[in-house]
């Protein structure tokens, strides 16, 4: 079941793989996101407020701010946060504390989803990343608007197989903004529309462009990166 708390409406879907545990579903979903969207790593994370604990540890964590009912995972993307509660298919239900916290988040305009299959989670993530509500181009200040387009033009001008080290093309004070616009280019699928890939290296210090179907090698730190 997937329940989207929003304006008191619920979107429900039949669950699959009913033999999977809640923890296994959550772990599989996180692994899928981690491997599929490597440039967004760190923006989706688990809030560890469940599990059995020693009473002393539980008291300490409660004093530090652990709140019963907080959703299992949160995704921060384009100035919005989305919350996910994972449940065992068919038998999993939100607790009283979870229902209370979900309602609090809903009143503040946040999305909270009950998820019981990886397939549902994938569709939710794809919808969130593609949502026009996340696009902020129209509200960009004039200098940022032109800077963004300058970066996009630069990407299109790169040759097939080009690997670019970020510090070689961008001043240190602009590197975060530069990476943000590269991430936007990737997430919005602009590269796919023009039949090429744009990907970060795993250390996020460089990125490369590769035309789909080409056999060009990408050399990074003296080794074939692919």
C-alpha atoms as a PDB file:
ATOM      1  CA  UNK A   1       0.000   0.000   0.000  1.00  0.00           C
ATOM      2  CA  UNK A   2       1.141   3.535  -0.721  1.00  0.00           C
ATOM      3  CA  UNK A   3      -0.679   6.289   1.106  1.00  0.00           C
ATOM      4  CA  UNK A   4       0.000   9.875   0.197  1.00  0.00           C
ATOM      5  CA  UNK A   5      -1.097  12.221   2.966  1.00  0.00           C
ATOM      6  CA  UNK A   6      -2.158  15.374   1.195  1.00  0.00           C
ATOM      7  CA  UNK A   7      -5.423  17.293   1.572  1.00  0.00           C
ATOM      8  CA  UNK A   8      -6.913  14.197   3.255  1.00  0.00           C
ATOM      9  CA  UNK A   9      -6.654  12.185   0.018  1.00  0.00           C
ATOM     10  CA  UNK A  10      -5.133   8.700  -0.079  1.00  0.00           C
ATOM     11  CA  UNK A  11      -3.610   7.086  -3.127  1.00  0.00           C
ATOM     12  CA  UNK A  12      -3.549   3.319  -2.579  1.00  0.00           C
ATOM     13  CA  UNK A  13      -1.971   0.605  -4.658  1.00  0.00           C
ATOM     14  CA  UNK A  14      -1.859  -3.186  -4.244  1.00  0.00           C
ATOM     15  CA  UNK A  15       1.288  -4.427  -2.549  1.00  0.00           C
ATOM     16  CA  UNK A  16       3.615  -7.091  -3.912  1.00  0.00           C
ATOM     17  CA  UNK A  17       6.248  -9.403  -2.396  1.00  0.00           C
ATOM     18  CA  UNK A  18       4.276  -9.766   0.812  1.00  0.00           C
ATOM     19  CA  UNK A  19       6.916 -12.046   2.325  1.00  0.00           C
ATOM     20  CA  UNK A  20       9.503  -9.261   2.579  1.00  0.00           C
ATOM     21  CA  UNK A  21      10.166  -7.581   5.917  1.00  0.00           C
ATOM     22  CA  UNK A  22       9.829  -3.848   6.451  1.00  0.00           C
ATOM     23  CA  UNK A  23      13.592  -3.508   7.023  1.00  0.00           C
ATOM     24  CA  UNK A  24      14.415  -5.461   3.853  1.00  0.00           C
ATOM     25  CA  UNK A  25      12.105  -3.309   1.709  1.00  0.00           C
ATOM     26  CA  UNK A  26      13.627  -0.127   3.126  1.00  0.00           C
ATOM     27  CA  UNK A  27      17.186  -1.383   2.591  1.00  0.00           C
ATOM     28  CA  UNK A  28      16.435  -2.414  -1.008  1.00  0.00           C
ATOM     29  CA  UNK A  29      14.866   0.981  -1.725  1.00  0.00           C
ATOM     30  CA  UNK A  30      17.845   2.842  -0.293  1.00  0.00           C
ATOM     31  CA  UNK A  31      20.303   0.697  -2.270  1.00  0.00           C
ATOM     32  CA  UNK A  32      18.367   1.356  -5.479  1.00  0.00           C
ATOM     33  CA  UNK A  33      18.395   5.130  -4.895  1.00  0.00           C
ATOM     34  CA  UNK A  34      22.073   5.111  -3.892  1.00  0.00           C
ATOM     35  CA  UNK A  35      23.097   3.236  -7.057  1.00  0.00           C
ATOM     36  CA  UNK A  36      20.708   4.987  -9.450  1.00  0.00           C
ATOM     37  CA  UNK A  37      21.217   8.613  -8.362  1.00  0.00           C
ATOM     38  CA  UNK A  38      24.831   8.757  -7.219  1.00  0.00           C
ATOM     39  CA  UNK A  39      24.896  12.547  -7.635  1.00  0.00           C
ATOM     40  CA  UNK A  40      22.076  12.835  -5.044  1.00  0.00           C
ATOM     41  CA  UNK A  41      23.726  10.679  -2.381  1.00  0.00           C
ATOM     42  CA  UNK A  42      23.283  12.126   1.090  1.00  0.00           C
ATOM     43  CA  UNK A  43      19.950  13.776   0.279  1.00  0.00           C
ATOM     44  CA  UNK A  44      17.998  10.597   1.125  1.00  0.00           C
ATOM     45  CA  UNK A  45      18.688   9.136   4.561  1.00  0.00           C
ATOM     46  CA  UNK A  46      17.225   7.000   7.342  1.00  0.00           C
ATOM     47  CA  UNK A  47      16.004   8.480  10.627  1.00  0.00           C
ATOM     48  CA  UNK A  48      16.900   5.778  13.198  1.00  0.00           C
ATOM     49  CA  UNK A  49      14.176   6.280  15.781  1.00  0.00           C
ATOM     50  CA  UNK A  50      12.966   2.666  15.932  1.00  0.00           C
ATOM     51  CA  UNK A  51      14.382  -0.706  17.065  1.00  0.00           C
ATOM     52  CA  UNK A  52      14.746  -2.076  20.576  1.00  0.00           C
ATOM     53  CA  UNK A  53      17.234  -0.204  22.772  1.00  0.00           C
ATOM     54  CA  UNK A  54      18.682  -0.356  26.232  1.00  0.00           C
ATOM     55  CA  UNK A  55      16.552   1.853  28.516  1.00  0.00           C
ATOM     56  CA  UNK A  56      19.499   4.162  29.258  1.00  0.00           C
ATOM     57  CA  UNK A  57      20.201   4.651  25.569  1.00  0.00           C
ATOM     58  CA  UNK A  58      16.508   5.260  24.874  1.00  0.00           C
ATOM     59  CA  UNK A  59      16.318   7.949  27.584  1.00  0.00           C
ATOM     60  CA  UNK A  60      19.469   9.616  26.267  1.00  0.00           C
ATOM     61  CA  UNK A  61      18.210   9.647  22.663  1.00  0.00           C
ATOM     62  CA  UNK A  62      14.819  10.994  23.691  1.00  0.00           C
ATOM     63  CA  UNK A  63      16.533  13.833  25.550  1.00  0.00           C
ATOM     64  CA  UNK A  64      18.586  14.536  22.409  1.00  0.00           C
ATOM     65  CA  UNK A  65      15.459  14.904  20.280  1.00  0.00           C
ATOM     66  CA  UNK A  66      14.349  11.479  19.071  1.00  0.00           C
ATOM     67  CA  UNK A  67      10.584  11.681  18.453  1.00  0.00           C
ATOM     68  CA  UNK A  68       8.334   8.626  18.209  1.00  0.00           C
ATOM     69  CA  UNK A  69       6.478   8.393  14.915  1.00  0.00           C
ATOM     70  CA  UNK A  70       8.940  10.307  12.727  1.00  0.00           C
ATOM     71  CA  UNK A  71       9.041   8.723   9.206  1.00  0.00           C
ATOM     72  CA  UNK A  72      11.781   6.213   8.384  1.00  0.00           C
ATOM     73  CA  UNK A  73      13.393   8.189   5.564  1.00  0.00           C
ATOM     74  CA  UNK A  74      13.496  11.739   4.298  1.00  0.00           C
ATOM     75  CA  UNK A  75      14.520  13.060   0.869  1.00  0.00           C
ATOM     76  CA  UNK A  76      15.579  16.697   0.420  1.00  0.00           C
ATOM     77  CA  UNK A  77      15.328  17.885  -3.170  1.00  0.00           C
ATOM     78  CA  UNK A  78      14.997  21.338  -4.729  1.00  0.00           C
ATOM     79  CA  UNK A  79      13.986  23.205  -1.581  1.00  0.00           C
ATOM     80  CA  UNK A  80      11.409  20.585  -0.569  1.00  0.00           C
ATOM     81  CA  UNK A  81      11.426  17.579   1.772  1.00  0.00           C
ATOM     82  CA  UNK A  82       9.580  14.298   1.199  1.00  0.00           C
ATOM     83  CA  UNK A  83       9.025  11.674   3.912  1.00  0.00           C
ATOM     84  CA  UNK A  84       8.711   7.895   3.575  1.00  0.00           C
ATOM     85  CA  UNK A  85       7.303   5.370   6.034  1.00  0.00           C
ATOM     86  CA  UNK A  86       8.091   1.738   5.174  1.00  0.00           C
ATOM     87  CA  UNK A  87       5.694  -1.052   6.080  1.00  0.00           C
ATOM     88  CA  UNK A  88       5.436  -4.802   5.554  1.00  0.00           C
ATOM     89  CA  UNK A  89       3.053  -5.516   2.650  1.00  0.00           C
ATOM     90  CA  UNK A  90      -0.611  -6.169   3.530  1.00  0.00           C
ATOM     91  CA  UNK A  91      -0.075  -6.410   7.292  1.00  0.00           C
ATOM     92  CA  UNK A  92       1.885  -3.217   8.012  1.00  0.00           C
ATOM     93  CA  UNK A  93      -0.037  -0.298   9.529  1.00  0.00           C
ATOM     94  CA  UNK A  94       0.929   3.140  10.801  1.00  0.00           C
ATOM     95  CA  UNK A  95       1.124   3.399  14.585  1.00  0.00           C
ATOM     96  CA  UNK A  96      -0.769   6.017  16.579  1.00  0.00           C
ATOM     97  CA  UNK A  97       2.442   8.057  16.973  1.00  0.00           C
ATOM     98  CA  UNK A  98       3.148   7.833  13.246  1.00  0.00           C
ATOM     99  CA  UNK A  99      -0.349   8.946  12.308  1.00  0.00           C
ATOM    100  CA  UNK A 100       0.032  11.943  14.643  1.00  0.00           C
ATOM    101  CA  UNK A 101       3.416  12.993  13.205  1.00  0.00           C
ATOM    102  CA  UNK A 102       2.262  12.389   9.616  1.00  0.00           C
ATOM    103  CA  UNK A 103      -0.699  14.680  10.225  1.00  0.00           C
ATOM    104  CA  UNK A 104       1.605  17.355  11.656  1.00  0.00           C
ATOM    105  CA  UNK A 105       3.823  17.179   8.565  1.00  0.00           C
ATOM    106  CA  UNK A 106       0.807  17.246   6.260  1.00  0.00           C
ATOM    107  CA  UNK A 107      -0.484  20.425   7.891  1.00  0.00           C
ATOM    108  CA  UNK A 108       2.866  22.055   7.118  1.00  0.00           C
ATOM    109  CA  UNK A 109       2.589  21.110   3.439  1.00  0.00           C
ATOM    110  CA  UNK A 110       5.015  18.168   3.419  1.00  0.00           C
ATOM    111  CA  UNK A 111       4.453  14.870   1.612  1.00  0.00           C
ATOM    112  CA  UNK A 112       4.412  11.651   3.650  1.00  0.00           C
ATOM    113  CA  UNK A 113       4.200   8.288   1.887  1.00  0.00           C
ATOM    114  CA  UNK A 114       3.526   4.805   3.261  1.00  0.00           C
ATOM    115  CA  UNK A 115       5.529   2.423   1.059  1.00  0.00           C
ATOM    116  CA  UNK A 116       5.514  -1.368   0.974  1.00  0.00           C
ATOM    117  CA  UNK A 117       7.269  -2.283  -2.300  1.00  0.00           C
ATOM    118  CA  UNK A 118      10.408  -1.173  -4.047  1.00  0.00           C
ATOM    119  CA  UNK A 119       8.475  -0.701  -7.277  1.00  0.00           C
ATOM    120  CA  UNK A 120       6.208   1.859  -5.615  1.00  0.00           C
ATOM    121  CA  UNK A 121       9.188   3.654  -4.101  1.00  0.00           C
ATOM    122  CA  UNK A 122      10.902   3.880  -7.501  1.00  0.00           C
ATOM    123  CA  UNK A 123       7.799   5.403  -9.075  1.00  0.00           C
ATOM    124  CA  UNK A 124       7.492   7.922  -6.249  1.00  0.00           C
ATOM    125  CA  UNK A 125      11.138   9.003  -6.553  1.00  0.00           C
ATOM    126  CA  UNK A 126      10.892   9.321 -10.342  1.00  0.00           C
ATOM    127  CA  UNK A 127       7.744  11.443  -9.957  1.00  0.00           C
ATOM    128  CA  UNK A 128       9.366  13.688  -7.339  1.00  0.00           C
ATOM    129  CA  UNK A 129      12.496  14.265  -9.428  1.00  0.00           C
ATOM    130  CA  UNK A 130      10.449  15.009 -12.549  1.00  0.00           C
ATOM    131  CA  UNK A 131       7.942  17.293 -10.836  1.00  0.00           C
ATOM    132  CA  UNK A 132       7.647  20.730 -12.389  1.00  0.00           C
ATOM    133  CA  UNK A 133       7.081  22.016  -8.867  1.00  0.00           C
ATOM    134  CA  UNK A 134      10.789  21.457  -8.243  1.00  0.00           C
ATOM    135  CA  UNK A 135      11.949  23.633 -11.126  1.00  0.00           C
ATOM    136  CA  UNK A 136      13.243  27.007  -9.918  1.00  0.00           C
ATOM    137  CA  UNK A 137      14.587  28.496 -13.141  1.00  0.00           C
ATOM    138  CA  UNK A 138      11.879  31.129 -13.422  1.00  0.00           C
ATOM    139  CA  UNK A 139      12.687  32.525  -9.966  1.00  0.00           C
ATOM    140  CA  UNK A 140      16.472  32.647 -10.464  1.00  0.00           C
ATOM    141  CA  UNK A 141      18.146  36.051 -10.171  1.00  0.00           C
ATOM    142  CA  UNK A 142      19.355  37.385 -13.517  1.00  0.00           C
ATOM    143  CA  UNK A 143      23.042  36.586 -12.934  1.00  0.00           C
ATOM    144  CA  UNK A 144      22.285  33.006 -11.858  1.00  0.00           C
ATOM    145  CA  UNK A 145      19.935  32.516 -14.799  1.00  0.00           C
ATOM    146  CA  UNK A 146      22.670  33.395 -17.300  1.00  0.00           C
ATOM    147  CA  UNK A 147      25.303  31.456 -15.336  1.00  0.00           C
ATOM    148  CA  UNK A 148      23.071  28.350 -15.541  1.00  0.00           C
ATOM    149  CA  UNK A 149      22.670  28.695 -19.301  1.00  0.00           C
ATOM    150  CA  UNK A 150      26.391  29.292 -19.700  1.00  0.00           C
ATOM    151  CA  UNK A 151      27.061  25.942 -17.982  1.00  0.00           C
ATOM    152  CA  UNK A 152      24.467  24.149 -20.119  1.00  0.00           C
ATOM    153  CA  UNK A 153      25.986  25.578 -23.308  1.00  0.00           C
ATOM    154  CA  UNK A 154      29.420  24.436 -22.105  1.00  0.00           C
ATOM    155  CA  UNK A 155      28.140  20.883 -21.578  1.00  0.00           C
ATOM    156  CA  UNK A 156      26.758  20.708 -25.104  1.00  0.00           C
ATOM    157  CA  UNK A 157      30.057  21.997 -26.513  1.00  0.00           C
ATOM    158  CA  UNK A 158      32.111  19.177 -24.963  1.00  0.00           C
ATOM    159  CA  UNK A 159      33.453  16.440 -27.229  1.00  0.00           C
ATOM    160  CA  UNK A 160      32.517  12.800 -26.843  1.00  0.00           C
ATOM    161  CA  UNK A 161      34.685  11.196 -24.156  1.00  0.00           C
ATOM    162  CA  UNK A 162      35.539  14.515 -22.516  1.00  0.00           C
ATOM    163  CA  UNK A 163      36.309  14.261 -18.804  1.00  0.00           C
ATOM    164  CA  UNK A 164      36.440  17.548 -16.930  1.00  0.00           C
ATOM    165  CA  UNK A 165      37.919  18.158 -13.485  1.00  0.00           C
ATOM    166  CA  UNK A 166      35.695  20.682 -11.735  1.00  0.00           C
ATOM    167  CA  UNK A 167      38.513  22.630 -10.075  1.00  0.00           C
ATOM    168  CA  UNK A 168      40.118  23.132 -13.485  1.00  0.00           C
ATOM    169  CA  UNK A 169      37.081  24.925 -14.938  1.00  0.00           C
ATOM    170  CA  UNK A 170      35.447  26.556 -11.943  1.00  0.00           C
ATOM    171  CA  UNK A 171      36.603  28.898  -9.194  1.00  0.00           C
ATOM    172  CA  UNK A 172      36.394  27.398  -5.693  1.00  0.00           C
ATOM    173  CA  UNK A 173      33.702  29.838  -4.539  1.00  0.00           C
ATOM    174  CA  UNK A 174      31.451  28.801  -7.449  1.00  0.00           C
ATOM    175  CA  UNK A 175      31.987  25.039  -7.319  1.00  0.00           C
ATOM    176  CA  UNK A 176      28.858  24.253  -5.271  1.00  0.00           C
ATOM    177  CA  UNK A 177      26.649  26.226  -7.646  1.00  0.00           C
ATOM    178  CA  UNK A 178      28.420  24.660 -10.620  1.00  0.00           C
ATOM    179  CA  UNK A 179      27.754  21.138  -9.273  1.00  0.00           C
ATOM    180  CA  UNK A 180      24.116  22.039  -8.514  1.00  0.00           C
ATOM    181  CA  UNK A 181      23.514  23.020 -12.150  1.00  0.00           C
ATOM    182  CA  UNK A 182      25.306  19.929 -13.441  1.00  0.00           C
ATOM    183  CA  UNK A 183      23.029  17.863 -11.180  1.00  0.00           C
ATOM    184  CA  UNK A 184      19.978  19.655 -12.553  1.00  0.00           C
ATOM    185  CA  UNK A 185      21.121  18.928 -16.110  1.00  0.00           C
ATOM    186  CA  UNK A 186      21.397  15.220 -15.269  1.00  0.00           C
ATOM    187  CA  UNK A 187      18.173  14.901 -13.273  1.00  0.00           C
ATOM    188  CA  UNK A 188      16.043  16.730 -15.833  1.00  0.00           C
ATOM    189  CA  UNK A 189      17.212  14.270 -18.494  1.00  0.00           C
ATOM    190  CA  UNK A 190      18.619  16.844 -20.912  1.00  0.00           C
ATOM    191  CA  UNK A 191      21.523  14.558 -21.806  1.00  0.00           C
ATOM    192  CA  UNK A 192      19.205  11.640 -22.535  1.00  0.00           C
ATOM    193  CA  UNK A 193      17.148  13.784 -24.902  1.00  0.00           C
ATOM    194  CA  UNK A 194      20.287  14.384 -26.988  1.00  0.00           C
ATOM    195  CA  UNK A 195      21.577  10.805 -26.836  1.00  0.00           C
ATOM    196  CA  UNK A 196      24.524  11.188 -24.467  1.00  0.00           C
ATOM    197  CA  UNK A 197      25.416  10.617 -20.831  1.00  0.00           C
ATOM    198  CA  UNK A 198      26.686  13.176 -18.352  1.00  0.00           C
ATOM    199  CA  UNK A 199      27.919  11.582 -15.145  1.00  0.00           C
ATOM    200  CA  UNK A 200      29.980  12.501 -12.105  1.00  0.00           C
ATOM    201  CA  UNK A 201      32.978  10.484 -11.018  1.00  0.00           C
ATOM    202  CA  UNK A 202      32.415   8.813  -7.640  1.00  0.00           C
ATOM    203  CA  UNK A 203      34.471  11.431  -5.797  1.00  0.00           C
ATOM    204  CA  UNK A 204      32.453  14.291  -7.357  1.00  0.00           C
ATOM    205  CA  UNK A 205      35.673  16.013  -8.395  1.00  0.00           C
ATOM    206  CA  UNK A 206      35.076  15.522 -12.110  1.00  0.00           C
ATOM    207  CA  UNK A 207      32.385  14.676 -14.651  1.00  0.00           C
ATOM    208  CA  UNK A 208      32.377  13.184 -18.121  1.00  0.00           C
ATOM    209  CA  UNK A 209      30.346  13.172 -21.319  1.00  0.00           C
ATOM    210  CA  UNK A 210      29.815  10.035 -23.379  1.00  0.00           C
ATOM    211  CA  UNK A 211      27.606   9.619 -26.442  1.00  0.00           C
ATOM    212  CA  UNK A 212      25.311   6.606 -26.086  1.00  0.00           C
ATOM    213  CA  UNK A 213      26.635   3.569 -27.927  1.00  0.00           C
ATOM    214  CA  UNK A 214      30.144   4.937 -28.393  1.00  0.00           C
ATOM    215  CA  UNK A 215      33.140   2.854 -27.291  1.00  0.00           C
ATOM    216  CA  UNK A 216      35.305   5.749 -26.184  1.00  0.00           C
ATOM    217  CA  UNK A 217      37.337   5.203 -22.992  1.00  0.00           C
ATOM    218  CA  UNK A 218      37.055   7.567 -20.031  1.00  0.00           C
ATOM    219  CA  UNK A 219      40.472   7.918 -18.351  1.00  0.00           C
ATOM    220  CA  UNK A 220      40.459   9.251 -14.787  1.00  0.00           C
ATOM    221  CA  UNK A 221      43.488   9.345 -12.459  1.00  0.00           C
ATOM    222  CA  UNK A 222      45.437   7.372 -15.046  1.00  0.00           C
ATOM    223  CA  UNK A 223      42.937   4.491 -15.229  1.00  0.00           C
ATOM    224  CA  UNK A 224      40.014   3.519 -17.432  1.00  0.00           C
ATOM    225  CA  UNK A 225      37.050   4.758 -15.421  1.00  0.00           C
ATOM    226  CA  UNK A 226      34.301   2.687 -17.071  1.00  0.00           C
END
